[in-house]
């Protein structure tokens, strides 16, 4: 694992527009000290076990990347490190533990590429929803061929990874769920 990072709440959980049965870990805004740079983490969303923040520190290594924070060890970084080599997921750029300086609580943290979540992308009237569905289905099949069986195939678990080509982008998995890669069951 990479060196630990320091986390600190920057904004309290107060936004009633964010509907979820679980409040996000730490808060909706955080400060993160990573490799000597101070980032502001802006809340992007959360699921059952992790909270995602977009990192902001212009000119720093991880500016514009996503920081995911989980209350306990999550196997997603290990799965993504293997699956990203096949173009199935985003890359893991940093994997470490984070320490909340206010409470001393330890979190599992990792930094990954930024994507546009597919459910948000498809809200745009100009998006080709049938093409997005086909790309997602193909991604699910490619993942299964490599032993990664997804437990939740909703659009919010996939994202559009922007590429140099303005008309063709890659659909990748952004949440691996609760299963690892099963090599013997391809």
N, C-alpha and C. Protein backbone atom coordinates (compact mmCIF):
# COMPACT_ATOMS: atom_id res chain seq x y z
N UNK A 1 0.84 -1.19 0.00
CA UNK A 1 0.00 0.00 0.00
C UNK A 1 0.88 1.24 0.00
N UNK A 2 0.32 2.31 -0.55
CA UNK A 2 1.00 3.59 -0.59
C UNK A 2 0.97 4.24 0.81
N UNK A 3 1.78 5.29 1.02
CA UNK A 3 1.76 5.97 2.32
C UNK A 3 0.36 6.50 2.67
N UNK A 4 0.07 6.52 3.97
CA UNK A 4 -1.23 6.98 4.46
C UNK A 4 -1.50 8.43 4.08
N UNK A 5 -2.76 8.78 4.05
CA UNK A 5 -3.17 10.16 3.84
C UNK A 5 -3.92 10.64 5.08
N UNK A 6 -3.97 11.95 5.24
CA UNK A 6 -4.70 12.55 6.36
C UNK A 6 -5.99 13.14 5.83
N UNK A 7 -7.10 12.83 6.48
CA UNK A 7 -8.42 13.31 6.08
C UNK A 7 -8.99 14.19 7.17
N UNK A 8 -9.75 15.21 6.76
CA UNK A 8 -10.41 16.07 7.73
C UNK A 8 -11.70 16.61 7.12
N UNK A 9 -12.76 16.54 7.91
CA UNK A 9 -14.05 17.06 7.45
C UNK A 9 -13.92 18.55 7.17
N UNK A 10 -14.49 18.96 6.03
CA UNK A 10 -14.45 20.36 5.66
C UNK A 10 -15.84 20.97 5.68
N UNK A 11 -16.85 20.16 5.38
CA UNK A 11 -18.24 20.61 5.40
C UNK A 11 -19.07 19.54 6.09
N UNK A 12 -20.00 19.93 6.97
CA UNK A 12 -20.86 18.92 7.60
C UNK A 12 -21.90 18.40 6.63
N UNK A 13 -22.46 17.24 6.96
CA UNK A 13 -23.55 16.65 6.17
C UNK A 13 -24.81 17.43 6.46
N UNK A 14 -25.21 18.31 5.53
CA UNK A 14 -26.39 19.13 5.77
C UNK A 14 -27.32 19.23 4.58
N UNK A 15 -26.95 18.72 3.43
CA UNK A 15 -27.72 18.91 2.21
C UNK A 15 -28.88 17.93 2.13
N UNK A 16 -30.13 18.38 2.32
CA UNK A 16 -31.26 17.46 2.30
C UNK A 16 -31.60 16.93 0.91
N UNK A 17 -31.02 17.51 -0.17
CA UNK A 17 -31.29 17.03 -1.53
C UNK A 17 -30.63 15.70 -1.81
N UNK A 18 -29.62 15.33 -1.04
CA UNK A 18 -28.92 14.08 -1.25
C UNK A 18 -29.70 12.96 -0.57
N UNK A 19 -30.40 12.16 -1.35
CA UNK A 19 -31.26 11.12 -0.81
C UNK A 19 -30.52 9.79 -0.77
N UNK A 20 -30.35 9.24 0.41
CA UNK A 20 -29.73 7.94 0.57
C UNK A 20 -30.03 7.47 1.97
N UNK A 21 -30.11 6.17 2.16
CA UNK A 21 -30.42 5.64 3.48
C UNK A 21 -29.22 5.72 4.44
N UNK A 22 -28.04 5.98 3.93
CA UNK A 22 -26.83 6.07 4.75
C UNK A 22 -26.14 7.39 4.48
N UNK A 23 -25.77 8.08 5.54
CA UNK A 23 -25.02 9.31 5.36
C UNK A 23 -23.62 8.99 4.86
N UNK A 24 -23.03 9.89 4.08
CA UNK A 24 -21.68 9.61 3.56
C UNK A 24 -20.65 9.62 4.68
N UNK A 25 -19.60 8.81 4.49
CA UNK A 25 -18.50 8.77 5.45
C UNK A 25 -17.81 10.14 5.49
N UNK A 26 -17.43 10.55 6.64
CA UNK A 26 -16.71 11.79 6.93
C UNK A 26 -17.58 13.03 6.71
N UNK A 27 -18.12 13.27 5.53
CA UNK A 27 -18.94 14.44 5.24
C UNK A 27 -19.06 14.65 3.76
N UNK A 28 -19.59 15.82 3.37
CA UNK A 28 -19.74 16.08 1.94
C UNK A 28 -18.59 16.92 1.38
N UNK A 29 -17.68 17.30 2.23
CA UNK A 29 -16.47 17.99 1.81
C UNK A 29 -15.35 17.61 2.76
N UNK A 30 -14.17 17.33 2.20
CA UNK A 30 -13.05 16.95 3.05
C UNK A 30 -11.78 17.65 2.59
N UNK A 31 -10.82 17.72 3.49
CA UNK A 31 -9.46 18.10 3.17
C UNK A 31 -8.65 16.81 3.20
N UNK A 32 -7.78 16.63 2.24
CA UNK A 32 -6.96 15.42 2.18
C UNK A 32 -5.52 15.81 1.91
N UNK A 33 -4.62 15.39 2.79
CA UNK A 33 -3.19 15.63 2.61
C UNK A 33 -2.59 14.38 1.99
N UNK A 34 -2.13 14.51 0.74
CA UNK A 34 -1.60 13.37 -0.01
C UNK A 34 -0.26 13.76 -0.61
N UNK A 35 0.78 13.04 -0.23
CA UNK A 35 2.13 13.25 -0.78
C UNK A 35 2.55 14.72 -0.75
N UNK A 36 2.26 15.40 0.35
CA UNK A 36 2.68 16.78 0.51
C UNK A 36 1.77 17.82 -0.13
N UNK A 37 0.70 17.41 -0.78
CA UNK A 37 -0.25 18.36 -1.37
C UNK A 37 -1.54 18.34 -0.58
N UNK A 38 -2.16 19.52 -0.47
CA UNK A 38 -3.44 19.65 0.23
C UNK A 38 -4.56 19.75 -0.79
N UNK A 39 -5.44 18.76 -0.77
CA UNK A 39 -6.56 18.71 -1.71
C UNK A 39 -7.86 19.02 -0.98
N UNK A 40 -8.80 19.59 -1.72
CA UNK A 40 -10.18 19.67 -1.25
C UNK A 40 -10.92 18.56 -1.98
N UNK A 41 -11.64 17.73 -1.23
CA UNK A 41 -12.42 16.65 -1.82
C UNK A 41 -13.89 17.04 -1.82
N UNK A 42 -14.45 17.18 -3.02
CA UNK A 42 -15.86 17.55 -3.17
C UNK A 42 -16.70 16.28 -3.32
N UNK A 43 -17.72 16.14 -2.48
CA UNK A 43 -18.59 14.98 -2.47
C UNK A 43 -19.21 14.77 -3.86
N UNK A 44 -19.11 13.53 -4.36
CA UNK A 44 -19.70 13.17 -5.64
C UNK A 44 -20.80 12.13 -5.50
N UNK A 45 -20.80 11.36 -4.43
CA UNK A 45 -21.82 10.35 -4.22
C UNK A 45 -21.31 9.25 -3.31
N UNK A 46 -22.23 8.38 -2.92
CA UNK A 46 -21.84 7.27 -2.08
C UNK A 46 -22.80 6.12 -2.25
N UNK A 47 -22.31 4.95 -1.86
CA UNK A 47 -23.10 3.74 -1.91
C UNK A 47 -23.16 3.12 -0.53
N UNK A 48 -23.30 1.80 -0.49
CA UNK A 48 -23.42 1.12 0.79
C UNK A 48 -22.13 1.14 1.60
N UNK A 49 -20.99 1.07 0.93
CA UNK A 49 -19.75 0.90 1.68
C UNK A 49 -18.69 1.97 1.43
N UNK A 50 -18.90 2.87 0.47
CA UNK A 50 -17.85 3.85 0.19
C UNK A 50 -18.45 5.19 -0.24
N UNK A 51 -17.64 6.23 -0.09
CA UNK A 51 -18.01 7.59 -0.48
C UNK A 51 -16.97 8.07 -1.49
N UNK A 52 -17.43 8.76 -2.54
CA UNK A 52 -16.53 9.24 -3.58
C UNK A 52 -16.43 10.77 -3.55
N UNK A 53 -15.20 11.26 -3.70
CA UNK A 53 -14.93 12.69 -3.72
C UNK A 53 -14.08 13.02 -4.94
N UNK A 54 -14.36 14.15 -5.58
CA UNK A 54 -13.48 14.64 -6.63
C UNK A 54 -12.42 15.51 -5.96
N UNK A 55 -11.15 15.24 -6.27
CA UNK A 55 -10.04 15.96 -5.65
C UNK A 55 -9.70 17.23 -6.42
N UNK A 56 -9.48 18.33 -5.67
CA UNK A 56 -9.14 19.62 -6.27
C UNK A 56 -7.88 20.18 -5.63
N UNK A 57 -6.87 20.36 -6.45
CA UNK A 57 -5.63 21.05 -6.08
C UNK A 57 -4.90 21.31 -7.39
N UNK A 58 -5.24 22.41 -8.08
CA UNK A 58 -4.66 22.68 -9.39
C UNK A 58 -3.14 22.52 -9.41
N UNK A 59 -2.67 21.78 -10.40
CA UNK A 59 -1.24 21.54 -10.56
C UNK A 59 -0.71 20.33 -9.81
N UNK A 60 -1.51 19.78 -8.89
CA UNK A 60 -1.06 18.62 -8.12
C UNK A 60 -1.34 17.33 -8.89
N UNK A 61 -0.66 16.28 -8.53
CA UNK A 61 -0.70 14.99 -9.23
C UNK A 61 -2.10 14.42 -9.39
N UNK A 62 -2.96 14.52 -8.36
CA UNK A 62 -4.27 13.89 -8.40
C UNK A 62 -5.42 14.87 -8.60
N UNK A 63 -5.12 16.08 -9.06
CA UNK A 63 -6.19 17.05 -9.31
C UNK A 63 -7.16 16.50 -10.36
N UNK A 64 -8.45 16.55 -10.05
CA UNK A 64 -9.48 16.07 -10.98
C UNK A 64 -9.72 14.57 -10.91
N UNK A 65 -9.00 13.86 -10.05
CA UNK A 65 -9.19 12.41 -9.90
C UNK A 65 -10.21 12.15 -8.80
N UNK A 66 -10.59 10.88 -8.64
CA UNK A 66 -11.59 10.49 -7.65
C UNK A 66 -10.93 9.80 -6.46
N UNK A 67 -11.28 10.25 -5.26
CA UNK A 67 -10.86 9.60 -4.02
C UNK A 67 -12.06 8.84 -3.49
N UNK A 68 -11.88 7.53 -3.27
CA UNK A 68 -12.93 6.72 -2.67
C UNK A 68 -12.52 6.38 -1.25
N UNK A 69 -13.46 6.50 -0.33
CA UNK A 69 -13.21 6.30 1.10
C UNK A 69 -14.18 5.25 1.62
N UNK A 70 -13.66 4.20 2.26
CA UNK A 70 -14.48 3.13 2.82
C UNK A 70 -14.16 2.95 4.30
N UNK A 71 -15.19 2.63 5.08
CA UNK A 71 -15.01 2.47 6.53
C UNK A 71 -14.12 1.29 6.88
N UNK A 72 -14.07 0.28 6.02
CA UNK A 72 -13.22 -0.88 6.28
C UNK A 72 -12.56 -1.28 4.96
N UNK A 73 -11.63 -2.23 5.03
CA UNK A 73 -10.92 -2.68 3.83
C UNK A 73 -11.92 -3.07 2.75
N UNK A 74 -11.66 -2.62 1.54
CA UNK A 74 -12.53 -2.92 0.39
C UNK A 74 -11.66 -3.60 -0.67
N UNK A 75 -12.17 -4.66 -1.28
CA UNK A 75 -11.38 -5.39 -2.26
C UNK A 75 -11.37 -4.72 -3.64
N UNK A 76 -12.14 -3.65 -3.82
CA UNK A 76 -12.22 -3.01 -5.12
C UNK A 76 -10.86 -2.62 -5.71
N UNK A 77 -9.94 -1.98 -4.96
CA UNK A 77 -8.65 -1.65 -5.58
C UNK A 77 -7.91 -2.88 -6.12
N UNK A 78 -7.92 -3.98 -5.39
CA UNK A 78 -7.24 -5.19 -5.86
C UNK A 78 -7.89 -5.72 -7.14
N UNK A 79 -9.22 -5.71 -7.17
CA UNK A 79 -9.94 -6.16 -8.36
C UNK A 79 -9.65 -5.22 -9.53
N UNK A 80 -9.70 -3.91 -9.29
CA UNK A 80 -9.47 -2.94 -10.36
C UNK A 80 -8.04 -2.99 -10.89
N UNK A 81 -7.06 -3.26 -10.02
CA UNK A 81 -5.66 -3.33 -10.48
C UNK A 81 -5.51 -4.43 -11.52
N UNK A 82 -6.21 -5.52 -11.35
CA UNK A 82 -6.15 -6.61 -12.32
C UNK A 82 -7.06 -6.34 -13.52
N UNK A 83 -8.28 -5.89 -13.26
CA UNK A 83 -9.26 -5.72 -14.34
C UNK A 83 -8.95 -4.53 -15.25
N UNK A 84 -8.26 -3.52 -14.75
CA UNK A 84 -7.96 -2.35 -15.58
C UNK A 84 -6.99 -2.70 -16.72
N UNK A 85 -6.18 -3.74 -16.53
CA UNK A 85 -5.26 -4.15 -17.60
C UNK A 85 -6.02 -4.66 -18.82
N UNK A 86 -7.28 -5.05 -18.63
CA UNK A 86 -8.12 -5.52 -19.73
C UNK A 86 -9.12 -4.46 -20.18
N UNK A 87 -8.98 -3.22 -19.71
CA UNK A 87 -9.87 -2.14 -20.10
C UNK A 87 -11.27 -2.25 -19.51
N UNK A 88 -11.42 -2.98 -18.40
CA UNK A 88 -12.74 -3.19 -17.80
C UNK A 88 -13.11 -2.16 -16.75
N UNK A 89 -12.11 -1.57 -16.10
CA UNK A 89 -12.33 -0.66 -14.99
C UNK A 89 -11.41 0.55 -15.12
N UNK A 90 -11.61 1.50 -14.23
CA UNK A 90 -10.66 2.60 -14.13
C UNK A 90 -9.37 2.08 -13.48
N UNK A 91 -8.31 2.83 -13.62
CA UNK A 91 -7.02 2.46 -13.02
C UNK A 91 -6.98 2.89 -11.55
N UNK A 92 -6.25 2.16 -10.74
CA UNK A 92 -6.01 2.56 -9.37
C UNK A 92 -4.69 3.33 -9.36
N UNK A 93 -4.74 4.59 -9.00
CA UNK A 93 -3.58 5.47 -9.03
C UNK A 93 -2.88 5.55 -7.68
N UNK A 94 -3.61 5.25 -6.60
CA UNK A 94 -3.08 5.32 -5.23
C UNK A 94 -3.98 4.47 -4.37
N UNK A 95 -3.40 3.70 -3.47
CA UNK A 95 -4.16 2.79 -2.60
C UNK A 95 -3.52 2.85 -1.22
N UNK A 96 -4.28 3.26 -0.20
CA UNK A 96 -3.69 3.48 1.12
C UNK A 96 -4.75 3.47 2.21
N UNK A 97 -4.31 3.74 3.42
CA UNK A 97 -5.24 4.00 4.51
C UNK A 97 -5.26 5.49 4.75
N UNK A 98 -6.40 5.98 5.15
CA UNK A 98 -6.56 7.39 5.50
C UNK A 98 -6.91 7.50 6.96
N UNK A 99 -6.38 8.51 7.60
CA UNK A 99 -6.64 8.74 9.03
C UNK A 99 -7.42 10.04 9.18
N UNK A 100 -8.60 9.95 9.78
CA UNK A 100 -9.40 11.13 10.08
C UNK A 100 -8.72 11.83 11.26
N UNK A 101 -8.18 13.03 11.03
CA UNK A 101 -7.41 13.71 12.08
C UNK A 101 -8.28 14.14 13.25
N UNK A 102 -9.59 14.30 13.04
CA UNK A 102 -10.48 14.71 14.13
C UNK A 102 -10.88 13.56 15.04
N UNK A 103 -11.05 12.36 14.48
CA UNK A 103 -11.55 11.24 15.27
C UNK A 103 -10.52 10.12 15.45
N UNK A 104 -9.48 10.09 14.62
CA UNK A 104 -8.50 9.01 14.67
C UNK A 104 -8.97 7.77 13.93
N UNK A 105 -10.15 7.81 13.36
CA UNK A 105 -10.70 6.66 12.64
C UNK A 105 -9.87 6.38 11.38
N UNK A 106 -9.68 5.10 11.10
CA UNK A 106 -8.92 4.66 9.92
C UNK A 106 -9.90 4.27 8.82
N UNK A 107 -9.64 4.73 7.60
CA UNK A 107 -10.44 4.41 6.42
C UNK A 107 -9.54 3.77 5.36
N UNK A 108 -10.12 2.93 4.53
CA UNK A 108 -9.42 2.43 3.35
C UNK A 108 -9.71 3.44 2.24
N UNK A 109 -8.68 3.94 1.60
CA UNK A 109 -8.82 4.97 0.57
C UNK A 109 -8.08 4.56 -0.70
N UNK A 110 -8.62 4.98 -1.82
CA UNK A 110 -7.91 4.80 -3.09
C UNK A 110 -8.31 5.90 -4.04
N UNK A 111 -7.40 6.18 -4.97
CA UNK A 111 -7.62 7.22 -5.97
C UNK A 111 -7.68 6.55 -7.32
N UNK A 112 -8.65 6.97 -8.11
CA UNK A 112 -8.87 6.37 -9.41
C UNK A 112 -9.21 7.46 -10.43
N UNK A 113 -9.26 7.07 -11.69
CA UNK A 113 -9.61 8.00 -12.76
C UNK A 113 -11.03 8.51 -12.58
N UNK A 114 -11.27 9.71 -13.07
CA UNK A 114 -12.62 10.29 -13.06
C UNK A 114 -13.37 9.79 -14.29
N UNK A 115 -14.63 9.46 -14.08
CA UNK A 115 -15.51 9.08 -15.18
C UNK A 115 -16.80 9.87 -15.04
N UNK A 116 -17.64 9.78 -16.06
CA UNK A 116 -19.00 10.30 -15.96
C UNK A 116 -19.87 9.09 -15.68
N UNK A 117 -20.50 9.01 -14.50
CA UNK A 117 -21.37 7.85 -14.23
C UNK A 117 -22.42 7.71 -15.34
N UNK A 118 -22.63 6.48 -15.77
CA UNK A 118 -23.50 6.23 -16.92
C UNK A 118 -24.93 6.69 -16.69
N UNK A 119 -25.44 6.56 -15.47
CA UNK A 119 -26.81 7.01 -15.21
C UNK A 119 -26.93 8.53 -15.39
N UNK A 120 -25.89 9.28 -15.01
CA UNK A 120 -25.90 10.74 -15.21
C UNK A 120 -25.69 11.09 -16.68
N UNK A 121 -24.81 10.35 -17.34
CA UNK A 121 -24.55 10.59 -18.75
C UNK A 121 -25.82 10.41 -19.58
N UNK A 122 -26.61 9.39 -19.24
CA UNK A 122 -27.83 9.09 -20.00
C UNK A 122 -28.96 10.08 -19.74
N UNK A 123 -28.81 10.95 -18.74
CA UNK A 123 -29.82 11.99 -18.51
C UNK A 123 -29.72 13.09 -19.56
N UNK A 124 -28.58 13.17 -20.24
CA UNK A 124 -28.40 14.14 -21.32
C UNK A 124 -29.23 13.69 -22.52
N UNK A 125 -30.05 14.56 -23.04
CA UNK A 125 -30.92 14.21 -24.16
C UNK A 125 -30.15 13.82 -25.41
N UNK A 126 -28.93 14.30 -25.56
CA UNK A 126 -28.14 13.99 -26.75
C UNK A 126 -27.44 12.64 -26.66
N UNK A 127 -27.45 12.00 -25.49
CA UNK A 127 -26.77 10.70 -25.37
C UNK A 127 -27.59 9.62 -26.08
N UNK A 128 -26.88 8.67 -26.67
CA UNK A 128 -27.52 7.55 -27.36
C UNK A 128 -27.68 6.42 -26.35
N UNK A 129 -28.84 6.36 -25.73
CA UNK A 129 -29.08 5.42 -24.63
C UNK A 129 -29.00 3.96 -25.07
N UNK A 130 -29.44 3.65 -26.27
CA UNK A 130 -29.35 2.26 -26.74
C UNK A 130 -27.89 1.87 -26.96
N UNK A 131 -27.09 2.79 -27.43
CA UNK A 131 -25.66 2.52 -27.61
C UNK A 131 -24.96 2.35 -26.26
N UNK A 132 -25.37 3.16 -25.27
CA UNK A 132 -24.82 3.03 -23.92
C UNK A 132 -25.19 1.67 -23.33
N UNK A 133 -26.43 1.25 -23.54
CA UNK A 133 -26.87 -0.06 -23.04
C UNK A 133 -26.06 -1.18 -23.67
N UNK A 134 -25.84 -1.10 -24.99
CA UNK A 134 -25.07 -2.12 -25.69
C UNK A 134 -23.62 -2.14 -25.18
N UNK A 135 -23.02 -0.95 -25.00
CA UNK A 135 -21.65 -0.88 -24.50
C UNK A 135 -21.55 -1.46 -23.09
N UNK A 136 -22.56 -1.23 -22.26
CA UNK A 136 -22.58 -1.78 -20.90
C UNK A 136 -22.70 -3.29 -20.95
N UNK A 137 -23.58 -3.78 -21.79
CA UNK A 137 -23.76 -5.24 -21.93
C UNK A 137 -22.45 -5.88 -22.39
N UNK A 138 -21.78 -5.27 -23.35
CA UNK A 138 -20.49 -5.80 -23.82
C UNK A 138 -19.44 -5.78 -22.71
N UNK A 139 -19.44 -4.73 -21.88
CA UNK A 139 -18.51 -4.63 -20.76
C UNK A 139 -18.78 -5.75 -19.75
N UNK A 140 -20.05 -6.02 -19.48
CA UNK A 140 -20.42 -7.10 -18.55
C UNK A 140 -19.93 -8.44 -19.08
N UNK A 141 -20.10 -8.67 -20.39
CA UNK A 141 -19.64 -9.94 -20.99
C UNK A 141 -18.12 -10.06 -20.97
N UNK A 142 -17.43 -8.95 -21.30
CA UNK A 142 -15.96 -8.98 -21.24
C UNK A 142 -15.48 -9.24 -19.81
N UNK A 143 -16.14 -8.63 -18.84
CA UNK A 143 -15.78 -8.85 -17.43
C UNK A 143 -15.95 -10.32 -17.06
N UNK A 144 -17.07 -10.92 -17.47
CA UNK A 144 -17.33 -12.33 -17.17
C UNK A 144 -16.28 -13.23 -17.83
N UNK A 145 -15.85 -12.87 -19.03
CA UNK A 145 -14.82 -13.65 -19.71
C UNK A 145 -13.51 -13.65 -18.92
N UNK A 146 -13.30 -12.61 -18.13
CA UNK A 146 -12.07 -12.50 -17.33
C UNK A 146 -12.30 -12.89 -15.87
N UNK A 147 -13.45 -13.48 -15.58
CA UNK A 147 -13.72 -13.98 -14.23
C UNK A 147 -14.29 -12.97 -13.26
N UNK A 148 -14.70 -11.80 -13.75
CA UNK A 148 -15.30 -10.78 -12.89
C UNK A 148 -16.81 -10.78 -13.11
N UNK A 149 -17.53 -11.30 -12.13
CA UNK A 149 -18.98 -11.38 -12.20
C UNK A 149 -19.56 -10.29 -11.33
N UNK A 150 -20.28 -9.38 -11.93
CA UNK A 150 -20.81 -8.23 -11.21
C UNK A 150 -22.07 -8.61 -10.43
N UNK A 151 -22.17 -8.10 -9.21
CA UNK A 151 -23.34 -8.38 -8.38
C UNK A 151 -24.43 -7.33 -8.57
N UNK A 152 -24.11 -6.19 -9.19
CA UNK A 152 -25.09 -5.13 -9.40
C UNK A 152 -24.78 -4.45 -10.73
N UNK A 153 -25.65 -4.63 -11.70
CA UNK A 153 -25.40 -4.14 -13.06
C UNK A 153 -26.19 -2.87 -13.40
N UNK A 154 -26.56 -2.08 -12.38
CA UNK A 154 -27.24 -0.81 -12.65
C UNK A 154 -26.27 0.17 -13.31
N UNK A 155 -26.83 1.11 -14.06
CA UNK A 155 -26.01 2.08 -14.78
C UNK A 155 -25.11 2.90 -13.86
N UNK A 156 -25.49 3.12 -12.61
CA UNK A 156 -24.64 3.92 -11.72
C UNK A 156 -23.36 3.21 -11.33
N UNK A 157 -23.21 1.94 -11.66
CA UNK A 157 -21.97 1.20 -11.39
C UNK A 157 -21.04 1.15 -12.60
N UNK A 158 -21.41 1.89 -13.66
CA UNK A 158 -20.59 2.00 -14.86
C UNK A 158 -20.33 3.47 -15.13
N UNK A 159 -19.26 3.74 -15.85
CA UNK A 159 -18.94 5.12 -16.17
C UNK A 159 -18.35 5.25 -17.55
N UNK A 160 -18.41 6.45 -18.07
CA UNK A 160 -17.82 6.79 -19.36
C UNK A 160 -16.41 7.31 -19.08
N UNK A 161 -15.42 6.58 -19.55
CA UNK A 161 -14.03 7.00 -19.42
C UNK A 161 -13.69 7.81 -20.67
N UNK A 162 -13.45 9.08 -20.49
CA UNK A 162 -13.20 9.96 -21.62
C UNK A 162 -11.87 9.63 -22.27
N UNK A 163 -11.85 9.65 -23.58
CA UNK A 163 -10.63 9.34 -24.34
C UNK A 163 -10.28 10.53 -25.23
N UNK A 164 -9.20 10.42 -25.96
CA UNK A 164 -8.78 11.49 -26.88
C UNK A 164 -9.79 11.68 -28.01
N UNK A 165 -10.46 10.60 -28.39
CA UNK A 165 -11.44 10.66 -29.48
C UNK A 165 -12.74 11.22 -28.93
N UNK A 166 -13.19 12.34 -29.45
CA UNK A 166 -14.36 13.03 -28.91
C UNK A 166 -15.67 12.30 -29.18
N UNK A 167 -15.68 11.34 -30.10
CA UNK A 167 -16.94 10.67 -30.43
C UNK A 167 -17.03 9.26 -29.87
N UNK A 168 -15.92 8.66 -29.51
CA UNK A 168 -15.91 7.30 -28.98
C UNK A 168 -15.29 7.28 -27.60
N UNK A 169 -16.04 6.87 -26.61
CA UNK A 169 -15.53 6.77 -25.25
C UNK A 169 -15.77 5.37 -24.74
N UNK A 170 -15.02 4.95 -23.76
CA UNK A 170 -15.08 3.61 -23.24
C UNK A 170 -16.01 3.54 -22.03
N UNK A 171 -16.90 2.53 -21.99
CA UNK A 171 -17.72 2.26 -20.82
C UNK A 171 -16.94 1.28 -19.95
N UNK A 172 -16.74 1.66 -18.68
CA UNK A 172 -15.97 0.85 -17.74
C UNK A 172 -16.78 0.66 -16.45
N UNK A 173 -16.37 -0.31 -15.68
CA UNK A 173 -16.98 -0.57 -14.38
C UNK A 173 -16.37 0.41 -13.38
N UNK A 174 -17.23 1.09 -12.59
CA UNK A 174 -16.71 2.01 -11.58
C UNK A 174 -17.01 1.52 -10.16
N UNK A 175 -17.76 0.43 -10.03
CA UNK A 175 -18.00 -0.20 -8.73
C UNK A 175 -18.05 -1.70 -8.96
N UNK A 176 -17.08 -2.41 -8.40
CA UNK A 176 -16.95 -3.85 -8.65
C UNK A 176 -17.91 -4.69 -7.82
N UNK A 177 -18.62 -4.08 -6.88
CA UNK A 177 -19.53 -4.86 -6.05
C UNK A 177 -18.80 -5.65 -5.00
N UNK A 178 -19.33 -6.81 -4.67
CA UNK A 178 -18.81 -7.57 -3.52
C UNK A 178 -18.08 -8.85 -3.90
N UNK A 179 -17.80 -9.03 -5.17
CA UNK A 179 -17.11 -10.25 -5.61
C UNK A 179 -15.73 -9.92 -6.15
N UNK A 180 -14.84 -10.84 -5.96
CA UNK A 180 -13.51 -10.70 -6.54
C UNK A 180 -13.49 -11.34 -7.92
N UNK A 181 -12.30 -11.49 -8.45
CA UNK A 181 -12.14 -12.15 -9.75
C UNK A 181 -12.02 -13.64 -9.49
N UNK A 182 -12.85 -14.42 -10.16
CA UNK A 182 -12.89 -15.87 -9.99
C UNK A 182 -12.22 -16.49 -11.21
N UNK A 183 -10.95 -16.76 -11.12
CA UNK A 183 -10.17 -17.25 -12.26
C UNK A 183 -10.62 -18.62 -12.77
N UNK A 184 -11.08 -19.47 -11.88
CA UNK A 184 -11.44 -20.84 -12.27
C UNK A 184 -12.86 -20.96 -12.85
N UNK A 185 -13.62 -19.88 -12.84
CA UNK A 185 -15.01 -19.95 -13.29
C UNK A 185 -15.27 -19.08 -14.50
N UNK A 186 -14.29 -18.92 -15.37
CA UNK A 186 -14.48 -18.06 -16.55
C UNK A 186 -15.41 -18.72 -17.54
